[in-house]
Amino acid sequence: MFESYKTSIEKYCSEMGIDVPIGFERRAAGRFAAIDLDKSPPRLIAITWSKEAEVVSYLQTLESADRITILDFKDCCQMTFSGKTSLHRSTPLAG
């Protein structure tokens, strides 16, 4: 399962022009991935997560989480962060 997420994430990033950091291939990939929109081109954050709570925990540590897009590769959708304690399903993934 984790290998299929990795393949899906890499394919999505390639199609959308998102930079994949060196070393991403060294770790198992969870269903949730994050894209840093402050980078040019946008850049995949090397850590992925298996649980929404882990993503929320990560986003709560950031000063500006609004520049991060969360993608759910199991349900094939973007997620929005409430700014507090939860994620909400948003638009379907393009590509």
Protein backbone atom coordinates (compact mmCIF):
# COMPACT_ATOMS: atom_id res chain seq x y z
CA MET A 1 0.00 0.00 0.00
CA PHE A 2 2.72 2.51 0.96
CA GLU A 3 4.53 1.82 -2.32
CA SER A 4 1.41 2.68 -4.32
CA TYR A 5 1.09 6.00 -2.46
CA LYS A 6 4.70 6.80 -3.30
CA THR A 7 4.09 6.04 -6.98
CA SER A 8 0.88 8.11 -7.01
CA ILE A 9 2.57 11.05 -5.28
CA GLU A 10 5.56 11.02 -7.64
CA LYS A 11 3.29 10.77 -10.71
CA TYR A 12 1.06 13.61 -9.49
CA CYS A 13 4.07 15.83 -8.76
CA SER A 14 5.58 15.13 -12.18
CA GLU A 15 2.30 15.96 -13.96
CA MET A 16 1.72 19.14 -11.93
CA GLY A 17 5.29 20.51 -12.09
CA ILE A 18 5.91 20.03 -8.36
CA ASP A 19 9.50 19.54 -7.28
CA VAL A 20 10.19 16.28 -5.40
CA PRO A 21 13.03 16.59 -2.87
CA ILE A 22 16.06 14.33 -2.99
CA GLY A 23 15.56 11.55 -0.48
CA PHE A 24 11.79 11.25 -0.89
CA GLU A 25 12.27 7.77 -2.32
CA ARG A 26 14.08 6.59 0.83
CA ARG A 27 10.98 6.56 3.03
CA ALA A 28 7.66 4.77 2.93
CA ALA A 29 4.92 7.15 1.81
CA GLY A 30 1.64 7.64 3.67
CA ARG A 31 -1.65 8.67 2.12
CA PHE A 32 -1.30 12.38 3.02
CA ALA A 33 1.28 14.58 1.31
CA ALA A 34 1.97 18.30 1.66
CA ILE A 35 3.05 20.81 -0.97
CA ASP A 36 4.90 24.00 -0.02
CA LEU A 37 3.43 26.72 -2.25
CA ASP A 38 6.01 29.31 -1.13
CA LYS A 39 8.67 27.56 -3.21
CA SER A 40 9.08 28.16 -6.93
CA PRO A 41 8.27 25.69 -8.33
CA PRO A 42 6.04 24.34 -5.57
CA ARG A 43 7.85 21.63 -3.60
CA LEU A 44 6.71 18.39 -2.04
CA ILE A 45 7.46 18.22 1.67
CA ALA A 46 9.52 15.05 2.09
CA ILE A 47 7.50 13.73 5.04
CA THR A 48 4.13 12.08 4.40
CA TRP A 49 1.58 10.89 6.93
CA SER A 50 -0.84 8.00 7.36
CA LYS A 51 -3.27 9.72 9.75
CA GLU A 52 -5.07 13.06 9.63
CA ALA A 53 -4.09 13.76 13.24
CA GLU A 54 -0.40 13.58 12.26
CA VAL A 55 -0.97 16.12 9.48
CA VAL A 56 -2.85 18.46 11.82
CA SER A 57 -0.05 18.15 14.39
CA TYR A 58 2.52 19.10 11.73
CA LEU A 59 0.46 22.06 10.47
CA GLN A 60 0.02 23.37 14.02
CA THR A 61 3.81 23.73 14.30
CA LEU A 62 4.00 26.03 11.27
CA GLU A 63 3.81 29.77 11.47
CA SER A 64 2.01 30.03 8.14
CA ALA A 65 0.15 26.82 7.31
CA ASP A 66 -1.98 28.64 4.72
CA ARG A 67 0.85 28.28 2.17
CA ILE A 68 0.76 24.48 2.46
CA THR A 69 -1.60 22.32 0.40
CA ILE A 70 -2.48 18.90 1.79
CA LEU A 71 -3.30 16.09 -0.63
CA ASP A 72 -5.06 12.84 0.29
CA PHE A 73 -3.97 10.11 -2.10
CA LYS A 74 -6.40 7.54 -0.73
CA ASP A 75 -9.54 9.61 -1.27
CA CYS A 76 -7.93 11.53 -4.18
CA CYS A 77 -8.74 15.02 -2.94
CA GLN A 78 -7.20 18.20 -1.61
CA MET A 79 -7.68 18.97 2.06
CA THR A 80 -8.11 22.33 3.75
CA PHE A 81 -6.88 23.03 7.27
CA SER A 82 -9.37 24.66 9.62
CA GLY A 83 -6.51 26.49 11.32
CA LYS A 84 -7.26 24.71 14.57
CA THR A 85 -7.69 20.97 14.88
CA SER A 86 -9.06 19.42 11.71
CA LEU A 87 -8.80 18.92 7.97
CA HIS A 88 -11.74 19.10 5.56
CA ARG A 89 -12.05 17.46 2.18
CA SER A 90 -12.01 19.95 -0.65
CA THR A 91 -11.58 19.61 -4.41
CA PRO A 92 -10.71 16.36 -6.21
CA LEU A 93 -7.09 15.94 -7.28
CA ALA A 94 -6.35 17.10 -10.81
CA GLY A 95 -4.35 14.93 -13.13
